[in-house]
Amino acid sequence: MPSAELVLGTMTFGDTADEAISGRLLAVALDAGVTEVDTTNAHVGGLTEEIRGRLLAGRRGRVRLASKVGMPHPDPGSDAPLSAAALHRCVQGSRRRRGTDPVRRRRTNRPRCWR
């Protein structure tokens, strides 16, 4: 899949947009040619990932998933947020919440890495 020109950010899914509205936003975005959908495990405590997973069920081949790590969230446990162990737990937690295969792109959610 080529690099995305349009990316749908889903930080409002489960927050200011309930699942029904989120579904309509996603449908409009896909119809407009969006090929990448982005979120983070920190949005609404992971609820955004759960909603995104349900909404993309059966349509996973149409879109690339992107996510971010580094924001405060229970997934990393007591490890430094960007340590190898914390990143592994974040990926596994995201995968579980989405109910899908791993994301294809994972970025840090901070301009500077935490030490």
PDB file of N, CA and C in Angstrom:
ATOM      1  N   MET A   1       0.855  -1.164   0.000  1.00  0.00           N
ATOM      2  CA  MET A   1       0.000   0.000   0.000  1.00  0.00           C
ATOM      3  C   MET A   1       0.909   1.237   0.000  1.00  0.00           C
ATOM      4  N   PRO A   2       0.688   2.181  -0.909  1.00  0.00           N
ATOM      5  CA  PRO A   2       1.523   3.385  -0.958  1.00  0.00           C
ATOM      6  C   PRO A   2       1.347   4.248   0.283  1.00  0.00           C
ATOM      7  N   SER A   3       2.284   5.143   0.486  1.00  0.00           N
ATOM      8  CA  SER A   3       2.208   6.070   1.615  1.00  0.00           C
ATOM      9  C   SER A   3       0.917   6.881   1.527  1.00  0.00           C
ATOM     10  N   ALA A   4       0.299   7.104   2.673  1.00  0.00           N
ATOM     11  CA  ALA A   4      -0.995   7.789   2.714  1.00  0.00           C
ATOM     12  C   ALA A   4      -0.840   9.288   2.513  1.00  0.00           C
ATOM     13  N   GLU A   5      -1.706   9.848   1.685  1.00  0.00           N
ATOM     14  CA  GLU A   5      -1.777  11.295   1.532  1.00  0.00           C
ATOM     15  C   GLU A   5      -2.756  11.894   2.534  1.00  0.00           C
ATOM     16  N   LEU A   6      -3.776  11.130   2.895  1.00  0.00           N
ATOM     17  CA  LEU A   6      -4.767  11.552   3.883  1.00  0.00           C
ATOM     18  C   LEU A   6      -4.803  10.534   5.013  1.00  0.00           C
ATOM     19  N   VAL A   7      -4.764  11.021   6.245  1.00  0.00           N
ATOM     20  CA  VAL A   7      -4.801  10.156   7.426  1.00  0.00           C
ATOM     21  C   VAL A   7      -5.943  10.632   8.314  1.00  0.00           C
ATOM     22  N   LEU A   8      -6.756   9.695   8.783  1.00  0.00           N
ATOM     23  CA  LEU A   8      -7.825  10.030   9.708  1.00  0.00           C
ATOM     24  C   LEU A   8      -7.323   9.846  11.131  1.00  0.00           C
ATOM     25  N   GLY A   9      -7.302  10.914  11.903  1.00  0.00           N
ATOM     26  CA  GLY A   9      -6.987  10.833  13.324  1.00  0.00           C
ATOM     27  C   GLY A   9      -8.259  10.488  14.081  1.00  0.00           C
ATOM     28  N   THR A  10      -8.154   9.560  15.024  1.00  0.00           N
ATOM     29  CA  THR A  10      -9.365   9.055  15.682  1.00  0.00           C
ATOM     30  C   THR A  10      -9.422   9.368  17.177  1.00  0.00           C
ATOM     31  N   MET A  11      -8.726  10.412  17.609  1.00  0.00           N
ATOM     32  CA  MET A  11      -8.685  10.700  19.041  1.00  0.00           C
ATOM     33  C   MET A  11     -10.058  11.026  19.636  1.00  0.00           C
ATOM     34  N   THR A  12     -11.032  11.385  18.809  1.00  0.00           N
ATOM     35  CA  THR A  12     -12.369  11.692  19.328  1.00  0.00           C
ATOM     36  C   THR A  12     -13.252  10.451  19.442  1.00  0.00           C
ATOM     37  N   PHE A  13     -12.842   9.327  18.847  1.00  0.00           N
ATOM     38  CA  PHE A  13     -13.649   8.108  18.895  1.00  0.00           C
ATOM     39  C   PHE A  13     -13.774   7.657  20.348  1.00  0.00           C
ATOM     40  N   GLY A  14     -15.001   7.610  20.854  1.00  0.00           N
ATOM     41  CA  GLY A  14     -15.246   7.210  22.230  1.00  0.00           C
ATOM     42  C   GLY A  14     -15.169   8.362  23.213  1.00  0.00           C
ATOM     43  N   ASP A  15     -14.812   9.535  22.739  1.00  0.00           N
ATOM     44  CA  ASP A  15     -14.728  10.715  23.594  1.00  0.00           C
ATOM     45  C   ASP A  15     -15.854  11.658  23.189  1.00  0.00           C
ATOM     46  N   THR A  16     -15.609  12.583  22.289  1.00  0.00           N
ATOM     47  CA  THR A  16     -16.668  13.493  21.851  1.00  0.00           C
ATOM     48  C   THR A  16     -17.522  12.886  20.732  1.00  0.00           C
ATOM     49  N   ALA A  17     -17.061  11.790  20.141  1.00  0.00           N
ATOM     50  CA  ALA A  17     -17.829  11.081  19.115  1.00  0.00           C
ATOM     51  C   ALA A  17     -18.112   9.669  19.619  1.00  0.00           C
ATOM     52  N   ASP A  18     -19.392   9.336  19.817  1.00  0.00           N
ATOM     53  CA  ASP A  18     -19.724   7.980  20.254  1.00  0.00           C
ATOM     54  C   ASP A  18     -19.462   7.007  19.092  1.00  0.00           C
ATOM     55  N   GLU A  19     -19.706   5.722  19.316  1.00  0.00           N
ATOM     56  CA  GLU A  19     -19.363   4.738  18.293  1.00  0.00           C
ATOM     57  C   GLU A  19     -20.148   4.930  16.996  1.00  0.00           C
ATOM     58  N   ALA A  20     -21.410   5.322  17.082  1.00  0.00           N
ATOM     59  CA  ALA A  20     -22.211   5.533  15.875  1.00  0.00           C
ATOM     60  C   ALA A  20     -21.655   6.699  15.049  1.00  0.00           C
ATOM     61  N   ILE A  21     -21.370   7.806  15.698  1.00  0.00           N
ATOM     62  CA  ILE A  21     -20.802   8.965  14.985  1.00  0.00           C
ATOM     63  C   ILE A  21     -19.415   8.614  14.455  1.00  0.00           C
ATOM     64  N   SER A  22     -18.628   7.899  15.251  1.00  0.00           N
ATOM     65  CA  SER A  22     -17.299   7.481  14.814  1.00  0.00           C
ATOM     66  C   SER A  22     -17.397   6.632  13.553  1.00  0.00           C
ATOM     67  N   GLY A  23     -18.385   5.766  13.498  1.00  0.00           N
ATOM     68  CA  GLY A  23     -18.588   4.927  12.313  1.00  0.00           C
ATOM     69  C   GLY A  23     -18.911   5.752  11.080  1.00  0.00           C
ATOM     70  N   ARG A  24     -19.710   6.782  11.262  1.00  0.00           N
ATOM     71  CA  ARG A  24     -20.039   7.653  10.122  1.00  0.00           C
ATOM     72  C   ARG A  24     -18.804   8.436   9.673  1.00  0.00           C
ATOM     73  N   LEU A  25     -18.025   8.930  10.637  1.00  0.00           N
ATOM     74  CA  LEU A  25     -16.786   9.646  10.284  1.00  0.00           C
ATOM     75  C   LEU A  25     -15.833   8.743   9.512  1.00  0.00           C
ATOM     76  N   LEU A  26     -15.694   7.509   9.970  1.00  0.00           N
ATOM     77  CA  LEU A  26     -14.806   6.569   9.291  1.00  0.00           C
ATOM     78  C   LEU A  26     -15.312   6.263   7.877  1.00  0.00           C
ATOM     79  N   ALA A  27     -16.600   6.054   7.728  1.00  0.00           N
ATOM     80  CA  ALA A  27     -17.168   5.754   6.402  1.00  0.00           C
ATOM     81  C   ALA A  27     -16.925   6.898   5.428  1.00  0.00           C
ATOM     82  N   VAL A  28     -17.141   8.127   5.875  1.00  0.00           N
ATOM     83  CA  VAL A  28     -16.906   9.296   5.019  1.00  0.00           C
ATOM     84  C   VAL A  28     -15.424   9.383   4.642  1.00  0.00           C
ATOM     85  N   ALA A  29     -14.556   9.145   5.607  1.00  0.00           N
ATOM     86  CA  ALA A  29     -13.115   9.213   5.344  1.00  0.00           C
ATOM     87  C   ALA A  29     -12.692   8.151   4.331  1.00  0.00           C
ATOM     88  N   LEU A  30     -13.158   6.923   4.495  1.00  0.00           N
ATOM     89  CA  LEU A  30     -12.797   5.858   3.557  1.00  0.00           C
ATOM     90  C   LEU A  30     -13.343   6.152   2.166  1.00  0.00           C
ATOM     91  N   ASP A  31     -14.567   6.646   2.092  1.00  0.00           N
ATOM     92  CA  ASP A  31     -15.152   7.004   0.797  1.00  0.00           C
ATOM     93  C   ASP A  31     -14.378   8.134   0.123  1.00  0.00           C
ATOM     94  N   ALA A  32     -13.750   9.000   0.930  1.00  0.00           N
ATOM     95  CA  ALA A  32     -12.979  10.125   0.385  1.00  0.00           C
ATOM     96  C   ALA A  32     -11.562   9.710  -0.005  1.00  0.00           C
ATOM     97  N   GLY A  33     -11.189   8.451   0.251  1.00  0.00           N
ATOM     98  CA  GLY A  33      -9.874   7.984  -0.157  1.00  0.00           C
ATOM     99  C   GLY A  33      -8.834   7.877   0.946  1.00  0.00           C
ATOM    100  N   VAL A  34      -9.238   8.065   2.192  1.00  0.00           N
ATOM    101  CA  VAL A  34      -8.291   7.903   3.295  1.00  0.00           C
ATOM    102  C   VAL A  34      -7.817   6.452   3.318  1.00  0.00           C
ATOM    103  N   THR A  35      -6.507   6.261   3.439  1.00  0.00           N
ATOM    104  CA  THR A  35      -5.938   4.916   3.473  1.00  0.00           C
ATOM    105  C   THR A  35      -5.173   4.627   4.761  1.00  0.00           C
ATOM    106  N   GLU A  36      -5.134   5.594   5.687  1.00  0.00           N
ATOM    107  CA  GLU A  36      -4.453   5.369   6.961  1.00  0.00           C
ATOM    108  C   GLU A  36      -5.296   5.942   8.088  1.00  0.00           C
ATOM    109  N   VAL A  37      -5.416   5.163   9.172  1.00  0.00           N
ATOM    110  CA  VAL A  37      -6.174   5.574  10.336  1.00  0.00           C
ATOM    111  C   VAL A  37      -5.230   5.538  11.533  1.00  0.00           C
ATOM    112  N   ASP A  38      -5.194   6.636  12.285  1.00  0.00           N
ATOM    113  CA  ASP A  38      -4.225   6.815  13.354  1.00  0.00           C
ATOM    114  C   ASP A  38      -4.913   6.970  14.702  1.00  0.00           C
ATOM    115  N   THR A  39      -4.290   6.457  15.732  1.00  0.00           N
ATOM    116  CA  THR A  39      -4.738   6.648  17.109  1.00  0.00           C
ATOM    117  C   THR A  39      -3.554   6.451  18.034  1.00  0.00           C
ATOM    118  N   THR A  40      -3.814   6.331  19.314  1.00  0.00           N
ATOM    119  CA  THR A  40      -2.806   5.996  20.311  1.00  0.00           C
ATOM    120  C   THR A  40      -3.487   5.240  21.434  1.00  0.00           C
ATOM    121  N   ASN A  41      -2.716   4.458  22.162  1.00  0.00           N
ATOM    122  CA  ASN A  41      -3.304   3.715  23.270  1.00  0.00           C
ATOM    123  C   ASN A  41      -3.777   4.642  24.393  1.00  0.00           C
ATOM    124  N   ALA A  42      -3.322   5.883  24.401  1.00  0.00           N
ATOM    125  CA  ALA A  42      -3.676   6.819  25.473  1.00  0.00           C
ATOM    126  C   ALA A  42      -5.030   7.497  25.272  1.00  0.00           C
ATOM    127  N   HIS A  43      -5.586   7.459  24.078  1.00  0.00           N
ATOM    128  CA  HIS A  43      -6.873   8.125  23.860  1.00  0.00           C
ATOM    129  C   HIS A  43      -7.985   7.371  24.566  1.00  0.00           C
ATOM    130  N   VAL A  44      -8.636   8.046  25.484  1.00  0.00           N
ATOM    131  CA  VAL A  44      -9.779   7.530  26.240  1.00  0.00           C
ATOM    132  C   VAL A  44      -9.438   6.161  26.855  1.00  0.00           C
ATOM    133  N   GLY A  45      -8.210   6.045  27.367  1.00  0.00           N
ATOM    134  CA  GLY A  45      -7.800   4.825  28.045  1.00  0.00           C
ATOM    135  C   GLY A  45      -7.804   3.582  27.181  1.00  0.00           C
ATOM    136  N   GLY A  46      -7.667   3.737  25.887  1.00  0.00           N
ATOM    137  CA  GLY A  46      -7.664   2.605  24.966  1.00  0.00           C
ATOM    138  C   GLY A  46      -9.005   2.369  24.291  1.00  0.00           C
ATOM    139  N   LEU A  47     -10.066   3.055  24.726  1.00  0.00           N
ATOM    140  CA  LEU A  47     -11.389   2.873  24.126  1.00  0.00           C
ATOM    141  C   LEU A  47     -11.383   3.224  22.640  1.00  0.00           C
ATOM    142  N   THR A  48     -10.615   4.237  22.267  1.00  0.00           N
ATOM    143  CA  THR A  48     -10.531   4.618  20.857  1.00  0.00           C
ATOM    144  C   THR A  48     -10.058   3.439  20.010  1.00  0.00           C
ATOM    145  N   GLU A  49      -9.062   2.706  20.493  1.00  0.00           N
ATOM    146  CA  GLU A  49      -8.568   1.538  19.753  1.00  0.00           C
ATOM    147  C   GLU A  49      -9.637   0.455  19.651  1.00  0.00           C
ATOM    148  N   GLU A  50     -10.375   0.236  20.729  1.00  0.00           N
ATOM    149  CA  GLU A  50     -11.434  -0.775  20.707  1.00  0.00           C
ATOM    150  C   GLU A  50     -12.493  -0.427  19.660  1.00  0.00           C
ATOM    151  N   ILE A  51     -12.924   0.828  19.654  1.00  0.00           N
ATOM    152  CA  ILE A  51     -13.939   1.266  18.688  1.00  0.00           C
ATOM    153  C   ILE A  51     -13.397   1.150  17.276  1.00  0.00           C
ATOM    154  N   ARG A  52     -12.188   1.616  17.069  1.00  0.00           N
ATOM    155  CA  ARG A  52     -11.591   1.543  15.736  1.00  0.00           C
ATOM    156  C   ARG A  52     -11.507   0.098  15.260  1.00  0.00           C
ATOM    157  N   GLY A  53     -11.149  -0.817  16.142  1.00  0.00           N
ATOM    158  CA  GLY A  53     -11.082  -2.229  15.771  1.00  0.00           C
ATOM    159  C   GLY A  53     -12.426  -2.774  15.329  1.00  0.00           C
ATOM    160  N   ARG A  54     -13.478  -2.450  16.079  1.00  0.00           N
ATOM    161  CA  ARG A  54     -14.819  -2.925  15.712  1.00  0.00           C
ATOM    162  C   ARG A  54     -15.272  -2.318  14.388  1.00  0.00           C
ATOM    163  N   LEU A  55     -15.010  -1.030  14.203  1.00  0.00           N
ATOM    164  CA  LEU A  55     -15.466  -0.360  12.983  1.00  0.00           C
ATOM    165  C   LEU A  55     -14.743  -0.841  11.738  1.00  0.00           C
ATOM    166  N   LEU A  56     -13.494  -1.267  11.893  1.00  0.00           N
ATOM    167  CA  LEU A  56     -12.721  -1.715  10.727  1.00  0.00           C
ATOM    168  C   LEU A  56     -12.841  -3.211  10.474  1.00  0.00           C
ATOM    169  N   ALA A  57     -13.564  -3.927  11.318  1.00  0.00           N
ATOM    170  CA  ALA A  57     -13.734  -5.372  11.120  1.00  0.00           C
ATOM    171  C   ALA A  57     -14.287  -5.625   9.719  1.00  0.00           C
ATOM    172  N   GLY A  58     -13.633  -6.498   8.991  1.00  0.00           N
ATOM    173  CA  GLY A  58     -14.061  -6.813   7.634  1.00  0.00           C
ATOM    174  C   GLY A  58     -13.583  -5.833   6.580  1.00  0.00           C
ATOM    175  N   ARG A  59     -12.998  -4.724   6.992  1.00  0.00           N
ATOM    176  CA  ARG A  59     -12.510  -3.719   6.031  1.00  0.00           C
ATOM    177  C   ARG A  59     -11.012  -3.478   6.222  1.00  0.00           C
ATOM    178  N   ARG A  60     -10.370  -4.320   6.973  1.00  0.00           N
ATOM    179  CA  ARG A  60      -8.984  -4.102   7.365  1.00  0.00           C
ATOM    180  C   ARG A  60      -8.046  -3.955   6.164  1.00  0.00           C
ATOM    181  N   GLY A  61      -8.320  -4.632   5.070  1.00  0.00           N
ATOM    182  CA  GLY A  61      -7.454  -4.551   3.895  1.00  0.00           C
ATOM    183  C   GLY A  61      -7.469  -3.198   3.200  1.00  0.00           C
ATOM    184  N   ARG A  62      -8.451  -2.369   3.509  1.00  0.00           N
ATOM    185  CA  ARG A  62      -8.583  -1.065   2.848  1.00  0.00           C
ATOM    186  C   ARG A  62      -7.759   0.026   3.495  1.00  0.00           C
ATOM    187  N   VAL A  63      -7.211  -0.246   4.677  1.00  0.00           N
ATOM    188  CA  VAL A  63      -6.599   0.835   5.430  1.00  0.00           C
ATOM    189  C   VAL A  63      -5.366   0.347   6.192  1.00  0.00           C
ATOM    190  N   ARG A  64      -4.406   1.228   6.307  1.00  0.00           N
ATOM    191  CA  ARG A  64      -3.221   0.974   7.122  1.00  0.00           C
ATOM    192  C   ARG A  64      -3.495   1.534   8.518  1.00  0.00           C
ATOM    193  N   LEU A  65      -3.099   0.793   9.544  1.00  0.00           N
ATOM    194  CA  LEU A  65      -3.266   1.261  10.916  1.00  0.00           C
ATOM    195  C   LEU A  65      -1.963   1.893  11.392  1.00  0.00           C
ATOM    196  N   ALA A  66      -2.084   3.017  12.032  1.00  0.00           N
ATOM    197  CA  ALA A  66      -0.939   3.682  12.646  1.00  0.00           C
ATOM    198  C   ALA A  66      -1.290   3.954  14.091  1.00  0.00           C
ATOM    199  N   SER A  67      -0.297   3.936  14.941  1.00  0.00           N
ATOM    200  CA  SER A  67      -0.535   4.219  16.349  1.00  0.00           C
ATOM    201  C   SER A  67       0.711   4.846  16.941  1.00  0.00           C
ATOM    202  N   LYS A  68       0.576   5.325  18.154  1.00  0.00           N
ATOM    203  CA  LYS A  68       1.679   5.996  18.827  1.00  0.00           C
ATOM    204  C   LYS A  68       1.815   5.455  20.240  1.00  0.00           C
ATOM    205  N   VAL A  69       2.990   5.601  20.790  1.00  0.00           N
ATOM    206  CA  VAL A  69       3.263   5.227  22.171  1.00  0.00           C
ATOM    207  C   VAL A  69       3.989   6.378  22.844  1.00  0.00           C
ATOM    208  N   GLY A  70       4.118   6.300  24.163  1.00  0.00           N
ATOM    209  CA  GLY A  70       4.891   7.304  24.885  1.00  0.00           C
ATOM    210  C   GLY A  70       4.072   8.172  25.808  1.00  0.00           C
ATOM    211  N   MET A  71       2.763   8.177  25.659  1.00  0.00           N
ATOM    212  CA  MET A  71       1.897   8.932  26.556  1.00  0.00           C
ATOM    213  C   MET A  71       1.604   8.058  27.777  1.00  0.00           C
ATOM    214  N   PRO A  72       1.289   8.671  28.911  1.00  0.00           N
ATOM    215  CA  PRO A  72       0.972   7.880  30.098  1.00  0.00           C
ATOM    216  C   PRO A  72      -0.199   6.923  29.831  1.00  0.00           C
ATOM    217  N   HIS A  73       0.000   5.655  30.168  1.00  0.00           N
ATOM    218  CA  HIS A  73      -0.995   4.613  29.954  1.00  0.00           C
ATOM    219  C   HIS A  73      -0.571   3.405  30.768  1.00  0.00           C
ATOM    220  N   PRO A  74      -1.496   2.576  31.236  1.00  0.00           N
ATOM    221  CA  PRO A  74      -1.113   1.409  32.037  1.00  0.00           C
ATOM    222  C   PRO A  74      -0.285   0.362  31.284  1.00  0.00           C
ATOM    223  N   ASP A  75      -0.353   0.293  29.965  1.00  0.00           N
ATOM    224  CA  ASP A  75       0.351  -0.749  29.214  1.00  0.00           C
ATOM    225  C   ASP A  75       1.828  -0.888  29.576  1.00  0.00           C
ATOM    226  N   PRO A  76       2.607   0.202  29.663  1.00  0.00           N
ATOM    227  CA  PRO A  76       4.039   0.032  29.910  1.00  0.00           C
ATOM    228  C   PRO A  76       4.393  -0.488  31.299  1.00  0.00           C
ATOM    229  N   GLY A  77       3.456  -0.509  32.225  1.00  0.00           N
ATOM    230  CA  GLY A  77       3.769  -0.936  33.579  1.00  0.00           C
ATOM    231  C   GLY A  77       4.736   0.040  34.229  1.00  0.00           C
ATOM    232  N   SER A  78       5.700  -0.493  34.958  1.00  0.00           N
ATOM    233  CA  SER A  78       6.649   0.372  35.665  1.00  0.00           C
ATOM    234  C   SER A  78       7.890   0.685  34.843  1.00  0.00           C
ATOM    235  N   ASP A  79       7.967   0.147  33.624  1.00  0.00           N
ATOM    236  CA  ASP A  79       9.127   0.409  32.772  1.00  0.00           C
ATOM    237  C   ASP A  79       9.063   1.812  32.184  1.00  0.00           C
ATOM    238  N   ALA A  80      10.210   2.316  31.783  1.00  0.00           N
ATOM    239  CA  ALA A  80      10.265   3.601  31.080  1.00  0.00           C
ATOM    240  C   ALA A  80       9.363   3.510  29.849  1.00  0.00           C
ATOM    241  N   PRO A  81       8.576   4.547  29.555  1.00  0.00           N
ATOM    242  CA  PRO A  81       7.563   4.481  28.494  1.00  0.00           C
ATOM    243  C   PRO A  81       8.074   4.050  27.116  1.00  0.00           C
ATOM    244  N   LEU A  82       9.331   4.317  26.804  1.00  0.00           N
ATOM    245  CA  LEU A  82       9.841   3.958  25.484  1.00  0.00           C
ATOM    246  C   LEU A  82      10.903   2.864  25.542  1.00  0.00           C
ATOM    247  N   SER A  83      10.957   2.111  26.642  1.00  0.00           N
ATOM    248  CA  SER A  83      11.881   0.974  26.735  1.00  0.00           C
ATOM    249  C   SER A  83      11.353  -0.162  25.855  1.00  0.00           C
ATOM    250  N   ALA A  84      12.222  -1.102  25.532  1.00  0.00           N
ATOM    251  CA  ALA A  84      11.817  -2.236  24.691  1.00  0.00           C
ATOM    252  C   ALA A  84      10.675  -3.019  25.337  1.00  0.00           C
ATOM    253  N   ALA A  85      10.758  -3.254  26.640  1.00  0.00           N
ATOM    254  CA  ALA A  85       9.710  -4.012  27.326  1.00  0.00           C
ATOM    255  C   ALA A  85       8.377  -3.261  27.299  1.00  0.00           C
ATOM    256  N   ALA A  86       8.415  -1.955  27.540  1.00  0.00           N
ATOM    257  CA  ALA A  86       7.186  -1.157  27.522  1.00  0.00           C
ATOM    258  C   ALA A  86       6.594  -1.109  26.121  1.00  0.00           C
ATOM    259  N   LEU A  87       7.429  -0.936  25.108  1.00  0.00           N
ATOM    260  CA  LEU A  87       6.927  -0.910  23.729  1.00  0.00           C
ATOM    261  C   LEU A  87       6.260  -2.231  23.374  1.00  0.00           C
ATOM    262  N   HIS A  88       6.869  -3.336  23.783  1.00  0.00           N
ATOM    263  CA  HIS A  88       6.281  -4.643  23.501  1.00  0.00           C
ATOM    264  C   HIS A  88       4.901  -4.757  24.155  1.00  0.00           C
ATOM    265  N   ARG A  89       4.788  -4.361  25.423  1.00  0.00           N
ATOM    266  CA  ARG A  89       3.491  -4.428  26.106  1.00  0.00           C
ATOM    267  C   ARG A  89       2.467  -3.491  25.469  1.00  0.00           C
ATOM    268  N   CYS A  90       2.904  -2.318  25.018  1.00  0.00           N
ATOM    269  CA  CYS A  90       1.984  -1.388  24.347  1.00  0.00           C
ATOM    270  C   CYS A  90       1.454  -1.988  23.052  1.00  0.00           C
ATOM    271  N   VAL A  91       2.341  -2.603  22.276  1.00  0.00           N
ATOM    272  CA  VAL A  91       1.914  -3.226  21.014  1.00  0.00           C
ATOM    273  C   VAL A  91       0.927  -4.354  21.296  1.00  0.00           C
ATOM    274  N   GLN A  92       1.231  -5.190  22.280  1.00  0.00           N
ATOM    275  CA  GLN A  92       0.326  -6.298  22.609  1.00  0.00           C
ATOM    276  C   GLN A  92      -1.015  -5.787  23.124  1.00  0.00           C
ATOM    277  N   GLY A  93      -1.000  -4.741  23.955  1.00  0.00           N
ATOM    278  CA  GLY A  93      -2.255  -4.169  24.448  1.00  0.00           C
ATOM    279  C   GLY A  93      -3.083  -3.573  23.324  1.00  0.00           C
ATOM    280  N   SER A  94      -2.419  -2.856  22.421  1.00  0.00           N
ATOM    281  CA  SER A  94      -3.132  -2.277  21.271  1.00  0.00           C
ATOM    282  C   SER A  94      -3.730  -3.369  20.405  1.00  0.00           C
ATOM    283  N   ARG A  95      -2.963  -4.388  20.165  1.00  0.00           N
ATOM    284  CA  ARG A  95      -3.432  -5.499  19.328  1.00  0.00           C
ATOM    285  C   ARG A  95      -4.658  -6.160  19.958  1.00  0.00           C
ATOM    286  N   ARG A  96      -4.625  -6.366  21.260  1.00  0.00           N
ATOM    287  CA  ARG A  96      -5.756  -6.975  21.973  1.00  0.00           C
ATOM    288  C   ARG A  96      -6.994  -6.073  21.889  1.00  0.00           C
ATOM    289  N   ARG A  97      -6.819  -4.770  22.127  1.00  0.00           N
ATOM    290  CA  ARG A  97      -7.969  -3.856  22.094  1.00  0.00           C
ATOM    291  C   ARG A  97      -8.568  -3.747  20.696  1.00  0.00           C
ATOM    292  N   ARG A  98      -7.738  -3.747  19.677  1.00  0.00           N
ATOM    293  CA  ARG A  98      -8.231  -3.635  18.305  1.00  0.00           C
ATOM    294  C   ARG A  98      -8.788  -4.936  17.770  1.00  0.00           C
ATOM    295  N   GLY A  99      -8.303  -6.057  18.298  1.00  0.00           N
ATOM    296  CA  GLY A  99      -8.733  -7.352  17.786  1.00  0.00           C
ATOM    297  C   GLY A  99      -8.232  -7.593  16.374  1.00  0.00           C
ATOM    298  N   THR A 100      -7.112  -6.981  16.023  1.00  0.00           N
ATOM    299  CA  THR A 100      -6.566  -7.119  14.670  1.00  0.00           C
ATOM    300  C   THR A 100      -5.067  -7.359  14.729  1.00  0.00           C
ATOM    301  N   ASP A 101      -4.502  -7.563  13.570  1.00  0.00           N
ATOM    302  CA  ASP A 101      -3.064  -7.758  13.455  1.00  0.00           C
ATOM    303  C   ASP A 101      -2.319  -6.486  13.857  1.00  0.00           C
ATOM    304  N   PRO A 102      -1.001  -6.567  14.001  1.00  0.00           N
ATOM    305  CA  PRO A 102      -0.239  -5.392  14.455  1.00  0.00           C
ATOM    306  C   PRO A 102      -0.380  -4.196  13.518  1.00  0.00           C
ATOM    307  N   VAL A 103      -0.161  -3.031  14.081  1.00  0.00           N
ATOM    308  CA  VAL A 103      -0.154  -1.828  13.264  1.00  0.00           C
ATOM    309  C   VAL A 103       1.073  -1.850  12.370  1.00  0.00           C
ATOM    310  N   ARG A 104       1.018  -1.146  11.276  1.00  0.00           N
ATOM    311  CA  ARG A 104       2.136  -1.087  10.332  1.00  0.00           C
ATOM    312  C   ARG A 104       3.069   0.081  10.623  1.00  0.00           C
ATOM    313  N   ARG A 105       2.606   1.017  11.405  1.00  0.00           N
ATOM    314  CA  ARG A 105       3.426   2.184  11.721  1.00  0.00           C
ATOM    315  C   ARG A 105       3.181   2.550  13.174  1.00  0.00           C
ATOM    316  N   ARG A 106       4.248   2.681  13.929  1.00  0.00           N
ATOM    317  CA  ARG A 106       4.134   3.066  15.333  1.00  0.00           C
ATOM    318  C   ARG A 106       5.111   4.206  15.558  1.00  0.00           C
ATOM    319  N   ARG A 107       4.617   5.301  16.125  1.00  0.00           N
ATOM    320  CA  ARG A 107       5.447   6.483  16.368  1.00  0.00           C
ATOM    321  C   ARG A 107       5.396   6.847  17.848  1.00  0.00           C
ATOM    322  N   THR A 108       6.385   7.620  18.260  1.00  0.00           N
ATOM    323  CA  THR A 108       6.302   8.146  19.619  1.00  0.00           C
ATOM    324  C   THR A 108       5.349   9.328  19.607  1.00  0.00           C
ATOM    325  N   ASN A 109       4.685   9.532  20.723  1.00  0.00           N
ATOM    326  CA  ASN A 109       3.686  10.588  20.836  1.00  0.00           C
ATOM    327  C   ASN A 109       4.262  11.809  21.533  1.00  0.00           C
ATOM    328  N   ARG A 110       5.558  11.880  21.625  1.00  0.00           N
ATOM    329  CA  ARG A 110       6.234  12.987  22.255  1.00  0.00           C
ATOM    330  C   ARG A 110       7.335  13.500  21.329  1.00  0.00           C
ATOM    331  N   PRO A 111       7.558  14.803  21.279  1.00  0.00           N
ATOM    332  CA  PRO A 111       8.616  15.319  20.411  1.00  0.00           C
ATOM    333  C   PRO A 111      10.006  14.881  20.850  1.00  0.00           C
ATOM    334  N   ARG A 112      10.173  14.656  22.135  1.00  0.00           N
ATOM    335  CA  ARG A 112      11.464  14.186  22.655  1.00  0.00           C
ATOM    336  C   ARG A 112      11.240  12.881  23.404  1.00  0.00           C
ATOM    337  N   CYS A 113      12.120  11.951  23.225  1.00  0.00           N
ATOM    338  CA  CYS A 113      11.994  10.655  23.932  1.00  0.00           C
ATOM    339  C   CYS A 113      12.207  10.845  25.423  1.00  0.00           C
ATOM    340  N   TRP A 114      11.424  10.119  26.198  1.00  0.00           N
ATOM    341  CA  TRP A 114      11.596  10.117  27.645  1.00  0.00           C
ATOM    342  C   TRP A 114      12.812   9.291  27.997  1.00  0.00           C
ATOM    343  N   ARG A 115      13.461   9.656  29.058  1.00  0.00           N
ATOM    344  CA  ARG A 115      14.630   8.879  29.504  1.00  0.00           C
ATOM    345  C   ARG A 115      14.227   7.919  30.578  1.00  0.00           C
TER     346      ARG A 115
END
